[in-house]
Amino acid sequence: MTKRIIWLFCILIIGAGSAMAQGGQRRTVEERVKMTMDTLKVNLKLDEAQSKLAEPIFTDYYKSMDELRAAGTPPDRTVMETRTSERDEKLKKVFNGDQFTQFKAWEQARRDRMRASRGQR
């Protein structure tokens, strides 16, 4: 009986380790928009009107980026930068100057964390 429990425990540990090694699946557009909006509502202190205006901007942006990635080839960096610039121009009309500055700082910090985590792999 004890050997069975030990074997079961070993199998569970190995299974959990291999699942973690494969990484998670990419979140859906809706999940990413929700996470982004939840964070921005708190960090930028967005009011309800700003949230309602920003949500479709992020939805369109994430969908367009997913389309680029789905093409099967590495996305063209200039196209990605153009879409980001278009998103930012729309967000400038929704956020006030201080909020937009905070948003860009938050976005840069997020990129830095992602780069750092990729470097650790």
PDB file of N, CA and C in Angstrom:
ATOM      1  N   MET A   1       0.827  -1.195   0.000  1.00  0.00           N
ATOM      2  CA  MET A   1       0.000   0.000   0.000  1.00  0.00           C
ATOM      3  C   MET A   1       0.864   1.249   0.000  1.00  0.00           C
ATOM      4  N   THR A   2       1.907   1.254   0.811  1.00  0.00           N
ATOM      5  CA  THR A   2       2.789   2.411   0.909  1.00  0.00           C
ATOM      6  C   THR A   2       3.516   2.631  -0.421  1.00  0.00           C
ATOM      7  N   LYS A   3       3.925   1.554  -1.078  1.00  0.00           N
ATOM      8  CA  LYS A   3       4.609   1.686  -2.360  1.00  0.00           C
ATOM      9  C   LYS A   3       3.688   2.312  -3.409  1.00  0.00           C
ATOM     10  N   ARG A   4       2.439   1.946  -3.381  1.00  0.00           N
ATOM     11  CA  ARG A   4       1.477   2.511  -4.335  1.00  0.00           C
ATOM     12  C   ARG A   4       1.321   4.018  -4.118  1.00  0.00           C
ATOM     13  N   ILE A   5       1.251   4.422  -2.901  1.00  0.00           N
ATOM     14  CA  ILE A   5       1.119   5.851  -2.585  1.00  0.00           C
ATOM     15  C   ILE A   5       2.359   6.600  -3.047  1.00  0.00           C
ATOM     16  N   ILE A   6       3.519   6.026  -2.817  1.00  0.00           N
ATOM     17  CA  ILE A   6       4.774   6.667  -3.244  1.00  0.00           C
ATOM     18  C   ILE A   6       4.809   6.767  -4.768  1.00  0.00           C
ATOM     19  N   TRP A   7       4.436   5.685  -5.458  1.00  0.00           N
ATOM     20  CA  TRP A   7       4.421   5.723  -6.920  1.00  0.00           C
ATOM     21  C   TRP A   7       3.412   6.739  -7.437  1.00  0.00           C
ATOM     22  N   LEU A   8       2.267   6.795  -6.848  1.00  0.00           N
ATOM     23  CA  LEU A   8       1.240   7.761  -7.251  1.00  0.00           C
ATOM     24  C   LEU A   8       1.754   9.182  -7.059  1.00  0.00           C
ATOM     25  N   PHE A   9       2.394   9.421  -5.947  1.00  0.00           N
ATOM     26  CA  PHE A   9       2.960  10.734  -5.666  1.00  0.00           C
ATOM     27  C   PHE A   9       4.022  11.095  -6.707  1.00  0.00           C
ATOM     28  N   CYS A  10       4.893  10.151  -7.049  1.00  0.00           N
ATOM     29  CA  CYS A  10       5.938  10.388  -8.056  1.00  0.00           C
ATOM     30  C   CYS A  10       5.328  10.713  -9.416  1.00  0.00           C
ATOM     31  N   ILE A  11       4.304   9.985  -9.785  1.00  0.00           N
ATOM     32  CA  ILE A  11       3.643  10.221 -11.073  1.00  0.00           C
ATOM     33  C   ILE A  11       3.012  11.609 -11.092  1.00  0.00           C
ATOM     34  N   LEU A  12       2.385  12.005 -10.008  1.00  0.00           N
ATOM     35  CA  LEU A  12       1.783  13.337  -9.932  1.00  0.00           C
ATOM     36  C   LEU A  12       2.842  14.433 -10.052  1.00  0.00           C
ATOM     37  N   ILE A  13       3.959  14.271  -9.397  1.00  0.00           N
ATOM     38  CA  ILE A  13       5.045  15.261  -9.453  1.00  0.00           C
ATOM     39  C   ILE A  13       5.591  15.363 -10.875  1.00  0.00           C
ATOM     40  N   ILE A  14       5.818  14.232 -11.508  1.00  0.00           N
ATOM     41  CA  ILE A  14       6.339  14.228 -12.878  1.00  0.00           C
ATOM     42  C   ILE A  14       5.321  14.867 -13.835  1.00  0.00           C
ATOM     43  N   GLY A  15       4.072  14.525 -13.665  1.00  0.00           N
ATOM     44  CA  GLY A  15       3.024  15.104 -14.513  1.00  0.00           C
ATOM     45  C   GLY A  15       2.921  16.607 -14.353  1.00  0.00           C
ATOM     46  N   ALA A  16       2.985  17.071 -13.118  1.00  0.00           N
ATOM     47  CA  ALA A  16       2.915  18.514 -12.873  1.00  0.00           C
ATOM     48  C   ALA A  16       4.133  19.220 -13.448  1.00  0.00           C
ATOM     49  N   GLY A  17       5.288  18.607 -13.306  1.00  0.00           N
ATOM     50  CA  GLY A  17       6.514  19.206 -13.839  1.00  0.00           C
ATOM     51  C   GLY A  17       6.497  19.310 -15.349  1.00  0.00           C
ATOM     52  N   SER A  18       6.018  18.287 -16.013  1.00  0.00           N
ATOM     53  CA  SER A  18       5.989  18.328 -17.478  1.00  0.00           C
ATOM     54  C   SER A  18       4.941  19.321 -17.975  1.00  0.00           C
ATOM     55  N   ALA A  19       3.854  19.449 -17.269  1.00  0.00           N
ATOM     56  CA  ALA A  19       2.836  20.430 -17.659  1.00  0.00           C
ATOM     57  C   ALA A  19       3.381  21.847 -17.535  1.00  0.00           C
ATOM     58  N   MET A  20       4.141  22.103 -16.489  1.00  0.00           N
ATOM     59  CA  MET A  20       4.716  23.431 -16.289  1.00  0.00           C
ATOM     60  C   MET A  20       5.801  23.701 -17.327  1.00  0.00           C
ATOM     61  N   ALA A  21       6.547  22.690 -17.721  1.00  0.00           N
ATOM     62  CA  ALA A  21       7.628  22.864 -18.681  1.00  0.00           C
ATOM     63  C   ALA A  21       7.098  23.230 -20.061  1.00  0.00           C
ATOM     64  N   GLN A  22       5.904  22.790 -20.380  1.00  0.00           N
ATOM     65  CA  GLN A  22       5.336  23.079 -21.692  1.00  0.00           C
ATOM     66  C   GLN A  22       4.786  24.490 -21.778  1.00  0.00           C
ATOM     67  N   GLY A  23       4.613  25.153 -20.677  1.00  0.00           N
ATOM     68  CA  GLY A  23       4.100  26.515 -20.689  1.00  0.00           C
ATOM     69  C   GLY A  23       2.594  26.527 -20.849  1.00  0.00           C
ATOM     70  N   GLY A  24       2.025  27.682 -20.591  1.00  0.00           N
ATOM     71  CA  GLY A  24       0.584  27.814 -20.686  1.00  0.00           C
ATOM     72  C   GLY A  24       0.158  28.161 -22.099  1.00  0.00           C
ATOM     73  N   GLN A  25      -1.100  27.998 -22.344  1.00  0.00           N
ATOM     74  CA  GLN A  25      -1.633  28.390 -23.636  1.00  0.00           C
ATOM     75  C   GLN A  25      -1.871  29.887 -23.642  1.00  0.00           C
ATOM     76  N   ARG A  26      -1.875  30.449 -24.828  1.00  0.00           N
ATOM     77  CA  ARG A  26      -2.132  31.878 -24.974  1.00  0.00           C
ATOM     78  C   ARG A  26      -3.565  32.164 -24.557  1.00  0.00           C
ATOM     79  N   ARG A  27      -3.729  33.233 -23.821  1.00  0.00           N
ATOM     80  CA  ARG A  27      -5.076  33.622 -23.388  1.00  0.00           C
ATOM     81  C   ARG A  27      -5.882  34.112 -24.588  1.00  0.00           C
ATOM     82  N   THR A  28      -7.196  34.005 -24.486  1.00  0.00           N
ATOM     83  CA  THR A  28      -8.058  34.502 -25.549  1.00  0.00           C
ATOM     84  C   THR A  28      -8.043  36.027 -25.537  1.00  0.00           C
ATOM     85  N   VAL A  29      -8.534  36.609 -26.614  1.00  0.00           N
ATOM     86  CA  VAL A  29      -8.613  38.069 -26.709  1.00  0.00           C
ATOM     87  C   VAL A  29      -9.445  38.611 -25.554  1.00  0.00           C
ATOM     88  N   GLU A  30     -10.573  37.977 -25.280  1.00  0.00           N
ATOM     89  CA  GLU A  30     -11.461  38.446 -24.222  1.00  0.00           C
ATOM     90  C   GLU A  30     -10.776  38.410 -22.858  1.00  0.00           C
ATOM     91  N   GLU A  31     -10.018  37.323 -22.612  1.00  0.00           N
ATOM     92  CA  GLU A  31      -9.298  37.214 -21.336  1.00  0.00           C
ATOM     93  C   GLU A  31      -8.237  38.301 -21.208  1.00  0.00           C
ATOM     94  N   ARG A  32      -7.520  38.556 -22.312  1.00  0.00           N
ATOM     95  CA  ARG A  32      -6.485  39.595 -22.266  1.00  0.00           C
ATOM     96  C   ARG A  32      -7.089  40.977 -22.081  1.00  0.00           C
ATOM     97  N   VAL A  33      -8.202  41.241 -22.752  1.00  0.00           N
ATOM     98  CA  VAL A  33      -8.860  42.543 -22.600  1.00  0.00           C
ATOM     99  C   VAL A  33      -9.330  42.716 -21.165  1.00  0.00           C
ATOM    100  N   LYS A  34      -9.935  41.684 -20.599  1.00  0.00           N
ATOM    101  CA  LYS A  34     -10.421  41.774 -19.222  1.00  0.00           C
ATOM    102  C   LYS A  34      -9.268  42.026 -18.254  1.00  0.00           C
ATOM    103  N   MET A  35      -8.167  41.284 -18.421  1.00  0.00           N
ATOM    104  CA  MET A  35      -7.014  41.477 -17.539  1.00  0.00           C
ATOM    105  C   MET A  35      -6.453  42.886 -17.676  1.00  0.00           C
ATOM    106  N   THR A  36      -6.336  43.351 -18.904  1.00  0.00           N
ATOM    107  CA  THR A  36      -5.805  44.691 -19.147  1.00  0.00           C
ATOM    108  C   THR A  36      -6.712  45.738 -18.534  1.00  0.00           C
ATOM    109  N   MET A  37      -7.995  45.627 -18.771  1.00  0.00           N
ATOM    110  CA  MET A  37      -8.931  46.637 -18.256  1.00  0.00           C
ATOM    111  C   MET A  37      -8.989  46.602 -16.728  1.00  0.00           C
ATOM    112  N   ASP A  38      -8.965  45.431 -16.137  1.00  0.00           N
ATOM    113  CA  ASP A  38      -8.964  45.349 -14.669  1.00  0.00           C
ATOM    114  C   ASP A  38      -7.751  46.057 -14.089  1.00  0.00           C
ATOM    115  N   THR A  39      -6.592  45.844 -14.714  1.00  0.00           N
ATOM    116  CA  THR A  39      -5.368  46.473 -14.238  1.00  0.00           C
ATOM    117  C   THR A  39      -5.410  47.980 -14.444  1.00  0.00           C
ATOM    118  N   LEU A  40      -5.853  48.408 -15.625  1.00  0.00           N
ATOM    119  CA  LEU A  40      -5.852  49.839 -15.930  1.00  0.00           C
ATOM    120  C   LEU A  40      -6.889  50.605 -15.117  1.00  0.00           C
ATOM    121  N   LYS A  41      -8.010  49.972 -14.828  1.00  0.00           N
ATOM    122  CA  LYS A  41      -9.019  50.643 -13.991  1.00  0.00           C
ATOM    123  C   LYS A  41      -8.432  51.024 -12.644  1.00  0.00           C
ATOM    124  N   VAL A  42      -7.613  50.135 -12.104  1.00  0.00           N
ATOM    125  CA  VAL A  42      -7.007  50.385 -10.797  1.00  0.00           C
ATOM    126  C   VAL A  42      -5.821  51.335 -10.925  1.00  0.00           C
ATOM    127  N   ASN A  43      -4.892  51.013 -11.821  1.00  0.00           N
ATOM    128  CA  ASN A  43      -3.649  51.788 -11.921  1.00  0.00           C
ATOM    129  C   ASN A  43      -3.858  53.201 -12.462  1.00  0.00           C
ATOM    130  N   LEU A  44      -4.742  53.352 -13.436  1.00  0.00           N
ATOM    131  CA  LEU A  44      -4.966  54.669 -14.043  1.00  0.00           C
ATOM    132  C   LEU A  44      -6.190  55.371 -13.486  1.00  0.00           C
ATOM    133  N   LYS A  45      -6.908  54.676 -12.616  1.00  0.00           N
ATOM    134  CA  LYS A  45      -8.136  55.207 -12.033  1.00  0.00           C
ATOM    135  C   LYS A  45      -9.121  55.657 -13.128  1.00  0.00           C
ATOM    136  N   LEU A  46      -9.371  54.731 -14.055  1.00  0.00           N
ATOM    137  CA  LEU A  46     -10.290  55.014 -15.153  1.00  0.00           C
ATOM    138  C   LEU A  46     -11.715  55.075 -14.627  1.00  0.00           C
ATOM    139  N   ASP A  47     -12.486  56.022 -15.149  1.00  0.00           N
ATOM    140  CA  ASP A  47     -13.898  56.042 -14.792  1.00  0.00           C
ATOM    141  C   ASP A  47     -14.645  55.108 -15.753  1.00  0.00           C
ATOM    142  N   GLU A  48     -15.922  54.940 -15.518  1.00  0.00           N
ATOM    143  CA  GLU A  48     -16.712  53.977 -16.303  1.00  0.00           C
ATOM    144  C   GLU A  48     -16.753  54.351 -17.784  1.00  0.00           C
ATOM    145  N   ALA A  49     -16.871  55.640 -18.078  1.00  0.00           N
ATOM    146  CA  ALA A  49     -16.925  56.084 -19.477  1.00  0.00           C
ATOM    147  C   ALA A  49     -15.606  55.774 -20.193  1.00  0.00           C
ATOM    148  N   GLN A  50     -14.494  56.032 -19.535  1.00  0.00           N
ATOM    149  CA  GLN A  50     -13.196  55.740 -20.134  1.00  0.00           C
ATOM    150  C   GLN A  50     -13.025  54.241 -20.366  1.00  0.00           C
ATOM    151  N   SER A  51     -13.470  53.443 -19.402  1.00  0.00           N
ATOM    152  CA  SER A  51     -13.362  51.992 -19.540  1.00  0.00           C
ATOM    153  C   SER A  51     -14.155  51.498 -20.739  1.00  0.00           C
ATOM    154  N   LYS A  52     -15.353  52.021 -20.911  1.00  0.00           N
ATOM    155  CA  LYS A  52     -16.200  51.586 -22.024  1.00  0.00           C
ATOM    156  C   LYS A  52     -15.618  52.006 -23.370  1.00  0.00           C
ATOM    157  N   LEU A  53     -14.913  53.132 -23.409  1.00  0.00           N
ATOM    158  CA  LEU A  53     -14.293  53.578 -24.652  1.00  0.00           C
ATOM    159  C   LEU A  53     -13.000  52.824 -24.944  1.00  0.00           C
ATOM    160  N   ALA A  54     -12.263  52.472 -23.908  1.00  0.00           N
ATOM    161  CA  ALA A  54     -10.963  51.815 -24.089  1.00  0.00           C
ATOM    162  C   ALA A  54     -11.108  50.333 -24.422  1.00  0.00           C
ATOM    163  N   GLU A  55     -12.135  49.700 -23.909  1.00  0.00           N
ATOM    164  CA  GLU A  55     -12.286  48.254 -24.094  1.00  0.00           C
ATOM    165  C   GLU A  55     -12.311  47.835 -25.564  1.00  0.00           C
ATOM    166  N   PRO A  56     -13.121  48.470 -26.423  1.00  0.00           N
ATOM    167  CA  PRO A  56     -13.099  48.043 -27.832  1.00  0.00           C
ATOM    168  C   PRO A  56     -11.769  48.351 -28.534  1.00  0.00           C
ATOM    169  N   ILE A  57     -11.052  49.360 -28.072  1.00  0.00           N
ATOM    170  CA  ILE A  57      -9.742  49.673 -28.650  1.00  0.00           C
ATOM    171  C   ILE A  57      -8.782  48.515 -28.388  1.00  0.00           C
ATOM    172  N   PHE A  58      -8.760  48.031 -27.148  1.00  0.00           N
ATOM    173  CA  PHE A  58      -7.889  46.901 -26.818  1.00  0.00           C
ATOM    174  C   PHE A  58      -8.351  45.618 -27.500  1.00  0.00           C
ATOM    175  N   THR A  59      -9.662  45.426 -27.624  1.00  0.00           N
ATOM    176  CA  THR A  59     -10.184  44.236 -28.302  1.00  0.00           C
ATOM    177  C   THR A  59      -9.715  44.210 -29.755  1.00  0.00           C
ATOM    178  N   ASP A  60      -9.868  45.327 -30.463  1.00  0.00           N
ATOM    179  CA  ASP A  60      -9.423  45.399 -31.858  1.00  0.00           C
ATOM    180  C   ASP A  60      -7.919  45.187 -31.968  1.00  0.00           C
ATOM    181  N   TYR A  61      -7.183  45.788 -31.052  1.00  0.00           N
ATOM    182  CA  TYR A  61      -5.725  45.683 -31.079  1.00  0.00           C
ATOM    183  C   TYR A  61      -5.280  44.238 -30.875  1.00  0.00           C
ATOM    184  N   TYR A  62      -5.811  43.574 -29.854  1.00  0.00           N
ATOM    185  CA  TYR A  62      -5.411  42.191 -29.589  1.00  0.00           C
ATOM    186  C   TYR A  62      -5.826  41.264 -30.731  1.00  0.00           C
ATOM    187  N   LYS A  63      -6.996  41.490 -31.322  1.00  0.00           N
ATOM    188  CA  LYS A  63      -7.424  40.661 -32.452  1.00  0.00           C
ATOM    189  C   LYS A  63      -6.491  40.853 -33.639  1.00  0.00           C
ATOM    190  N   SER A  64      -6.114  42.100 -33.913  1.00  0.00           N
ATOM    191  CA  SER A  64      -5.235  42.352 -35.055  1.00  0.00           C
ATOM    192  C   SER A  64      -3.853  41.743 -34.829  1.00  0.00           C
ATOM    193  N   MET A  65      -3.360  41.770 -33.602  1.00  0.00           N
ATOM    194  CA  MET A  65      -2.065  41.167 -33.308  1.00  0.00           C
ATOM    195  C   MET A  65      -2.136  39.637 -33.427  1.00  0.00           C
ATOM    196  N   ASP A  66      -3.250  39.055 -32.998  1.00  0.00           N
ATOM    197  CA  ASP A  66      -3.428  37.605 -33.142  1.00  0.00           C
ATOM    198  C   ASP A  66      -3.448  37.204 -34.613  1.00  0.00           C
ATOM    199  N   GLU A  67      -4.070  38.034 -35.461  1.00  0.00           N
ATOM    200  CA  GLU A  67      -4.101  37.748 -36.894  1.00  0.00           C
ATOM    201  C   GLU A  67      -2.691  37.737 -37.474  1.00  0.00           C
ATOM    202  N   LEU A  68      -1.863  38.674 -37.031  1.00  0.00           N
ATOM    203  CA  LEU A  68      -0.475  38.712 -37.496  1.00  0.00           C
ATOM    204  C   LEU A  68       0.279  37.450 -37.089  1.00  0.00           C
ATOM    205  N   ARG A  69       0.098  37.034 -35.845  1.00  0.00           N
ATOM    206  CA  ARG A  69       0.803  35.857 -35.341  1.00  0.00           C
ATOM    207  C   ARG A  69       0.292  34.568 -35.990  1.00  0.00           C
ATOM    208  N   ALA A  70      -0.986  34.540 -36.376  1.00  0.00           N
ATOM    209  CA  ALA A  70      -1.591  33.335 -36.946  1.00  0.00           C
ATOM    210  C   ALA A  70      -1.133  33.075 -38.373  1.00  0.00           C
ATOM    211  N   ALA A  71      -0.488  34.041 -38.979  1.00  0.00           N
ATOM    212  CA  ALA A  71      -0.062  33.886 -40.372  1.00  0.00           C
ATOM    213  C   ALA A  71       0.960  32.769 -40.549  1.00  0.00           C
ATOM    214  N   GLY A  72       1.608  32.358 -39.458  1.00  0.00           N
ATOM    215  CA  GLY A  72       2.551  31.253 -39.542  1.00  0.00           C
ATOM    216  C   GLY A  72       3.990  31.690 -39.719  1.00  0.00           C
ATOM    217  N   THR A  73       4.194  32.905 -40.159  1.00  0.00           N
ATOM    218  CA  THR A  73       5.545  33.441 -40.286  1.00  0.00           C
ATOM    219  C   THR A  73       5.742  34.493 -39.204  1.00  0.00           C
ATOM    220  N   PRO A  74       6.968  34.785 -38.862  1.00  0.00           N
ATOM    221  CA  PRO A  74       7.178  35.832 -37.858  1.00  0.00           C
ATOM    222  C   PRO A  74       6.552  37.155 -38.327  1.00  0.00           C
ATOM    223  N   PRO A  75       5.807  37.820 -37.457  1.00  0.00           N
ATOM    224  CA  PRO A  75       5.138  39.058 -37.864  1.00  0.00           C
ATOM    225  C   PRO A  75       6.152  40.148 -38.223  1.00  0.00           C
ATOM    226  N   ASP A  76       5.774  40.975 -39.168  1.00  0.00           N
ATOM    227  CA  ASP A  76       6.597  42.099 -39.575  1.00  0.00           C
ATOM    228  C   ASP A  76       6.583  43.139 -38.456  1.00  0.00           C
ATOM    229  N   ARG A  77       7.751  43.468 -37.944  1.00  0.00           N
ATOM    230  CA  ARG A  77       7.879  44.393 -36.822  1.00  0.00           C
ATOM    231  C   ARG A  77       7.275  45.770 -37.141  1.00  0.00           C
ATOM    232  N   THR A  78       7.433  46.236 -38.376  1.00  0.00           N
ATOM    233  CA  THR A  78       6.901  47.562 -38.718  1.00  0.00           C
ATOM    234  C   THR A  78       5.378  47.574 -38.702  1.00  0.00           C
ATOM    235  N   VAL A  79       4.764  46.477 -39.125  1.00  0.00           N
ATOM    236  CA  VAL A  79       3.298  46.386 -39.082  1.00  0.00           C
ATOM    237  C   VAL A  79       2.830  46.389 -37.633  1.00  0.00           C
ATOM    238  N   MET A  80       3.528  45.641 -36.780  1.00  0.00           N
ATOM    239  CA  MET A  80       3.158  45.597 -35.366  1.00  0.00           C
ATOM    240  C   MET A  80       3.283  46.991 -34.739  1.00  0.00           C
ATOM    241  N   GLU A  81       4.361  47.689 -35.052  1.00  0.00           N
ATOM    242  CA  GLU A  81       4.562  49.029 -34.498  1.00  0.00           C
ATOM    243  C   GLU A  81       3.504  49.999 -35.005  1.00  0.00           C
ATOM    244  N   THR A  82       3.093  49.848 -36.267  1.00  0.00           N
ATOM    245  CA  THR A  82       2.039  50.701 -36.820  1.00  0.00           C
ATOM    246  C   THR A  82       0.728  50.474 -36.082  1.00  0.00           C
ATOM    247  N   ARG A  83       0.394  49.224 -35.849  1.00  0.00           N
ATOM    248  CA  ARG A  83      -0.860  48.921 -35.132  1.00  0.00           C
ATOM    249  C   ARG A  83      -0.816  49.425 -33.692  1.00  0.00           C
ATOM    250  N   THR A  84       0.340  49.337 -33.075  1.00  0.00           N
ATOM    251  CA  THR A  84       0.486  49.858 -31.718  1.00  0.00           C
ATOM    252  C   THR A  84       0.335  51.375 -31.717  1.00  0.00           C
ATOM    253  N   SER A  85       0.914  52.033 -32.689  1.00  0.00           N
ATOM    254  CA  SER A  85       0.788  53.490 -32.798  1.00  0.00           C
ATOM    255  C   SER A  85      -0.663  53.905 -33.024  1.00  0.00           C
ATOM    256  N   GLU A  86      -1.373  53.159 -33.859  1.00  0.00           N
ATOM    257  CA  GLU A  86      -2.790  53.447 -34.098  1.00  0.00           C
ATOM    258  C   GLU A  86      -3.593  53.292 -32.811  1.00  0.00           C
ATOM    259  N   ARG A  87      -3.292  52.228 -32.066  1.00  0.00           N
ATOM    260  CA  ARG A  87      -3.964  52.019 -30.780  1.00  0.00           C
ATOM    261  C   ARG A  87      -3.686  53.181 -29.833  1.00  0.00           C
ATOM    262  N   ASP A  88      -2.427  53.592 -29.776  1.00  0.00           N
ATOM    263  CA  ASP A  88      -2.047  54.686 -28.876  1.00  0.00           C
ATOM    264  C   ASP A  88      -2.726  55.992 -29.237  1.00  0.00           C
ATOM    265  N   GLU A  89      -2.872  56.266 -30.526  1.00  0.00           N
ATOM    266  CA  GLU A  89      -3.559  57.494 -30.951  1.00  0.00           C
ATOM    267  C   GLU A  89      -5.020  57.481 -30.487  1.00  0.00           C
ATOM    268  N   LYS A  90      -5.646  56.329 -30.573  1.00  0.00           N
ATOM    269  CA  LYS A  90      -7.030  56.202 -30.107  1.00  0.00           C
ATOM    270  C   LYS A  90      -7.099  56.359 -28.590  1.00  0.00           C
ATOM    271  N   LEU A  91      -6.133  55.756 -27.873  1.00  0.00           N
ATOM    272  CA  LEU A  91      -6.140  55.831 -26.412  1.00  0.00           C
ATOM    273  C   LEU A  91      -5.863  57.243 -25.911  1.00  0.00           C
ATOM    274  N   LYS A  92      -5.096  58.023 -26.655  1.00  0.00           N
ATOM    275  CA  LYS A  92      -4.821  59.410 -26.257  1.00  0.00           C
ATOM    276  C   LYS A  92      -6.106  60.220 -26.178  1.00  0.00           C
ATOM    277  N   LYS A  93      -7.086  59.833 -26.981  1.00  0.00           N
ATOM    278  CA  LYS A  93      -8.379  60.532 -26.975  1.00  0.00           C
ATOM    279  C   LYS A  93      -9.250  60.102 -25.797  1.00  0.00           C
ATOM    280  N   VAL A  94      -8.936  58.942 -25.214  1.00  0.00           N
ATOM    281  CA  VAL A  94      -9.720  58.403 -24.098  1.00  0.00           C
ATOM    282  C   VAL A  94      -9.087  58.772 -22.759  1.00  0.00           C
ATOM    283  N   PHE A  95      -7.770  58.607 -22.655  1.00  0.00           N
ATOM    284  CA  PHE A  95      -7.056  58.888 -21.408  1.00  0.00           C
ATOM    285  C   PHE A  95      -6.642  60.347 -21.366  1.00  0.00           C
ATOM    286  N   ASN A  96      -6.528  60.890 -20.158  1.00  0.00           N
ATOM    287  CA  ASN A  96      -5.932  62.224 -20.054  1.00  0.00           C
ATOM    288  C   ASN A  96      -4.414  62.073 -20.161  1.00  0.00           C
ATOM    289  N   GLY A  97      -3.702  63.176 -20.241  1.00  0.00           N
ATOM    290  CA  GLY A  97      -2.260  63.141 -20.469  1.00  0.00           C
ATOM    291  C   GLY A  97      -1.510  62.324 -19.439  1.00  0.00           C
ATOM    292  N   ASP A  98      -1.838  62.513 -18.173  1.00  0.00           N
ATOM    293  CA  ASP A  98      -1.160  61.782 -17.100  1.00  0.00           C
ATOM    294  C   ASP A  98      -1.479  60.287 -17.172  1.00  0.00           C
ATOM    295  N   GLN A  99      -2.726  59.951 -17.463  1.00  0.00           N
ATOM    296  CA  GLN A  99      -3.110  58.549 -17.574  1.00  0.00           C
ATOM    297  C   GLN A  99      -2.375  57.874 -18.731  1.00  0.00           C
ATOM    298  N   PHE A 100      -2.252  58.592 -19.856  1.00  0.00           N
ATOM    299  CA  PHE A 100      -1.568  57.994 -21.002  1.00  0.00           C
ATOM    300  C   PHE A 100      -0.089  57.773 -20.686  1.00  0.00           C
ATOM    301  N   THR A 101       0.530  58.722 -20.000  1.00  0.00           N
ATOM    302  CA  THR A 101       1.928  58.571 -19.596  1.00  0.00           C
ATOM    303  C   THR A 101       2.088  57.371 -18.671  1.00  0.00           C
ATOM    304  N   GLN A 102       1.179  57.220 -17.716  1.00  0.00           N
ATOM    305  CA  GLN A 102       1.215  56.077 -16.808  1.00  0.00           C
ATOM    306  C   GLN A 102       0.996  54.774 -17.570  1.00  0.00           C
ATOM    307  N   PHE A 103       0.098  54.804 -18.560  1.00  0.00           N
ATOM    308  CA  PHE A 103      -0.159  53.612 -19.370  1.00  0.00           C
ATOM    309  C   PHE A 103       1.102  53.176 -20.101  1.00  0.00           C
ATOM    310  N   LYS A 104       1.798  54.114 -20.730  1.00  0.00           N
ATOM    311  CA  LYS A 104       3.016  53.770 -21.470  1.00  0.00           C
ATOM    312  C   LYS A 104       4.098  53.244 -20.523  1.00  0.00           C
ATOM    313  N   ALA A 105       4.193  53.801 -19.326  1.00  0.00           N
ATOM    314  CA  ALA A 105       5.163  53.307 -18.338  1.00  0.00           C
ATOM    315  C   ALA A 105       4.797  51.888 -17.902  1.00  0.00           C
ATOM    316  N   TRP A 106       3.516  51.635 -17.679  1.00  0.00           N
ATOM    317  CA  TRP A 106       3.043  50.302 -17.294  1.00  0.00           C
ATOM    318  C   TRP A 106       3.346  49.303 -18.415  1.00  0.00           C
ATOM    319  N   GLU A 107       3.090  49.711 -19.650  1.00  0.00           N
ATOM    320  CA  GLU A 107       3.327  48.833 -20.791  1.00  0.00           C
ATOM    321  C   GLU A 107       4.819  48.506 -20.931  1.00  0.00           C
ATOM    322  N   GLN A 108       5.676  49.497 -20.738  1.00  0.00           N
ATOM    323  CA  GLN A 108       7.116  49.265 -20.830  1.00  0.00           C
ATOM    324  C   GLN A 108       7.594  48.341 -19.712  1.00  0.00           C
ATOM    325  N   ALA A 109       7.083  48.539 -18.512  1.00  0.00           N
ATOM    326  CA  ALA A 109       7.458  47.677 -17.385  1.00  0.00           C
ATOM    327  C   ALA A 109       7.026  46.240 -17.660  1.00  0.00           C
ATOM    328  N   ARG A 110       5.861  46.071 -18.256  1.00  0.00           N
ATOM    329  CA  ARG A 110       5.367  44.738 -18.599  1.00  0.00           C
ATOM    330  C   ARG A 110       6.273  44.081 -19.635  1.00  0.00           C
ATOM    331  N   ARG A 111       6.693  44.850 -20.644  1.00  0.00           N
ATOM    332  CA  ARG A 111       7.606  44.313 -21.661  1.00  0.00           C
ATOM    333  C   ARG A 111       8.941  43.910 -21.031  1.00  0.00           C
ATOM    334  N   ASP A 112       9.436  44.753 -20.137  1.00  0.00           N
ATOM    335  CA  ASP A 112      10.705  44.455 -19.476  1.00  0.00           C
ATOM    336  C   ASP A 112      10.616  43.158 -18.672  1.00  0.00           C
ATOM    337  N   ARG A 113       9.487  42.965 -17.968  1.00  0.00           N
ATOM    338  CA  ARG A 113       9.300  41.728 -17.198  1.00  0.00           C
ATOM    339  C   ARG A 113       9.246  40.515 -18.117  1.00  0.00           C
ATOM    340  N   MET A 114       8.582  40.654 -19.256  1.00  0.00           N
ATOM    341  CA  MET A 114       8.488  39.541 -20.198  1.00  0.00           C
ATOM    342  C   MET A 114       9.866  39.192 -20.757  1.00  0.00           C
ATOM    343  N   ARG A 115      10.637  40.209 -21.106  1.00  0.00           N
ATOM    344  CA  ARG A 115      11.985  39.964 -21.634  1.00  0.00           C
ATOM    345  C   ARG A 115      12.855  39.293 -20.574  1.00  0.00           C
ATOM    346  N   ALA A 116      12.737  39.749 -19.334  1.00  0.00           N
ATOM    347  CA  ALA A 116      13.536  39.165 -18.254  1.00  0.00           C
ATOM    348  C   ALA A 116      13.160  37.707 -18.018  1.00  0.00           C
ATOM    349  N   SER A 117      11.869  37.404 -18.077  1.00  0.00           N
ATOM    350  CA  SER A 117      11.442  36.014 -17.855  1.00  0.00           C
ATOM    351  C   SER A 117      11.870  35.124 -19.015  1.00  0.00           C
ATOM    352  N   ARG A 118      11.917  35.642 -20.223  1.00  0.00           N
ATOM    353  CA  ARG A 118      12.379  34.846 -21.367  1.00  0.00           C
ATOM    354  C   ARG A 118      13.863  34.570 -21.244  1.00  0.00           C
ATOM    355  N   GLY A 119      14.600  35.518 -20.693  1.00  0.00           N
ATOM    356  CA  GLY A 119      16.041  35.340 -20.526  1.00  0.00           C
ATOM    357  C   GLY A 119      16.392  34.282 -19.495  1.00  0.00           C
ATOM    358  N   GLN A 120      15.472  34.017 -18.584  1.00  0.00           N
ATOM    359  CA  GLN A 120      15.717  33.018 -17.534  1.00  0.00           C
ATOM    360  C   GLN A 120      15.482  31.599 -18.023  1.00  0.00           C
ATOM    361  N   ARG A 121      14.813  31.440 -19.137  1.00  0.00           N
ATOM    362  CA  ARG A 121      14.484  30.099 -19.641  1.00  0.00           C
ATOM    363  C   ARG A 121      15.657  29.430 -20.260  1.00  0.00           C
TER     364      ARG A 121
END
